[in-house]
């Protein structure tokens, strides 16, 4: 069966591509920053201070 192309489908795909790309870039940036923060926490443990939790009382 032959289907006619829907011009609105192309526009909706293009409209969704921008926010999806933005979200992907933001996730990558957050991941890199978290990786650097984790390396910093291991290298210089006096930067991060652990506090007592309810289970350690």
C-alpha atoms as a PDB file:
ATOM      1  CA  UNK A   1       0.000   0.000   0.000  1.00  0.00           C
ATOM      2  CA  UNK A   2       1.324   3.436  -0.908  1.00  0.00           C
ATOM      3  CA  UNK A   3       1.320   6.144   1.754  1.00  0.00           C
ATOM      4  CA  UNK A   4       1.441   9.808   0.897  1.00  0.00           C
ATOM      5  CA  UNK A   5       4.114  11.760   2.771  1.00  0.00           C
ATOM      6  CA  UNK A   6       2.839  13.924   5.577  1.00  0.00           C
ATOM      7  CA  UNK A   7       4.474  17.385   5.511  1.00  0.00           C
ATOM      8  CA  UNK A   8       3.550  17.977   9.163  1.00  0.00           C
ATOM      9  CA  UNK A   9       5.555  14.924  10.222  1.00  0.00           C
ATOM     10  CA  UNK A  10       8.793  16.448   8.936  1.00  0.00           C
ATOM     11  CA  UNK A  11       8.122  19.712  10.753  1.00  0.00           C
ATOM     12  CA  UNK A  12       7.335  17.961  14.027  1.00  0.00           C
ATOM     13  CA  UNK A  13      10.538  15.900  13.784  1.00  0.00           C
ATOM     14  CA  UNK A  14      12.546  19.051  13.155  1.00  0.00           C
ATOM     15  CA  UNK A  15      10.845  20.843  16.034  1.00  0.00           C
ATOM     16  CA  UNK A  16      11.656  17.970  18.401  1.00  0.00           C
ATOM     17  CA  UNK A  17      15.303  17.747  17.333  1.00  0.00           C
ATOM     18  CA  UNK A  18      16.332  21.053  18.944  1.00  0.00           C
ATOM     19  CA  UNK A  19      15.172  20.361  22.506  1.00  0.00           C
ATOM     20  CA  UNK A  20      16.443  16.787  22.330  1.00  0.00           C
ATOM     21  CA  UNK A  21      19.881  17.968  21.220  1.00  0.00           C
ATOM     22  CA  UNK A  22      19.899  20.602  23.973  1.00  0.00           C
ATOM     23  CA  UNK A  23      19.020  17.981  26.597  1.00  0.00           C
ATOM     24  CA  UNK A  24      21.723  15.640  25.309  1.00  0.00           C
ATOM     25  CA  UNK A  25      24.363  18.361  25.519  1.00  0.00           C
ATOM     26  CA  UNK A  26      23.240  19.289  29.028  1.00  0.00           C
ATOM     27  CA  UNK A  27      23.479  15.641  30.153  1.00  0.00           C
ATOM     28  CA  UNK A  28      26.987  15.372  28.696  1.00  0.00           C
ATOM     29  CA  UNK A  29      28.097  18.587  30.420  1.00  0.00           C
ATOM     30  CA  UNK A  30      26.607  17.440  33.741  1.00  0.00           C
ATOM     31  CA  UNK A  31      28.329  14.077  33.402  1.00  0.00           C
ATOM     32  CA  UNK A  32      31.721  15.634  32.707  1.00  0.00           C
ATOM     33  CA  UNK A  33      31.343  18.008  35.652  1.00  0.00           C
ATOM     34  CA  UNK A  34      30.330  15.126  37.939  1.00  0.00           C
ATOM     35  CA  UNK A  35      33.330  13.125  36.753  1.00  0.00           C
ATOM     36  CA  UNK A  36      35.662  16.025  37.527  1.00  0.00           C
ATOM     37  CA  UNK A  37      33.995  16.539  40.902  1.00  0.00           C
ATOM     38  CA  UNK A  38      34.488  12.856  41.718  1.00  0.00           C
ATOM     39  CA  UNK A  39      38.154  13.006  40.769  1.00  0.00           C
ATOM     40  CA  UNK A  40      38.547  16.111  42.926  1.00  0.00           C
ATOM     41  CA  UNK A  41      36.867  14.364  45.861  1.00  0.00           C
ATOM     42  CA  UNK A  42      39.294  11.457  45.596  1.00  0.00           C
ATOM     43  CA  UNK A  43      42.392  13.615  45.086  1.00  0.00           C
ATOM     44  CA  UNK A  44      41.666  16.203  47.758  1.00  0.00           C
ATOM     45  CA  UNK A  45      39.493  14.688  50.446  1.00  0.00           C
ATOM     46  CA  UNK A  46      39.573  17.801  52.649  1.00  0.00           C
ATOM     47  CA  UNK A  47      37.412  19.613  50.081  1.00  0.00           C
ATOM     48  CA  UNK A  48      34.416  17.386  50.792  1.00  0.00           C
ATOM     49  CA  UNK A  49      33.352  16.911  54.406  1.00  0.00           C
ATOM     50  CA  UNK A  50      31.157  13.999  55.360  1.00  0.00           C
ATOM     51  CA  UNK A  51      28.501  14.625  57.982  1.00  0.00           C
ATOM     52  CA  UNK A  52      27.072  12.088  60.388  1.00  0.00           C
ATOM     53  CA  UNK A  53      23.875  10.386  59.268  1.00  0.00           C
ATOM     54  CA  UNK A  54      20.997   9.101  61.339  1.00  0.00           C
ATOM     55  CA  UNK A  55      22.255   5.530  61.023  1.00  0.00           C
ATOM     56  CA  UNK A  56      25.685   6.349  62.518  1.00  0.00           C
ATOM     57  CA  UNK A  57      24.337   7.829  65.768  1.00  0.00           C
END
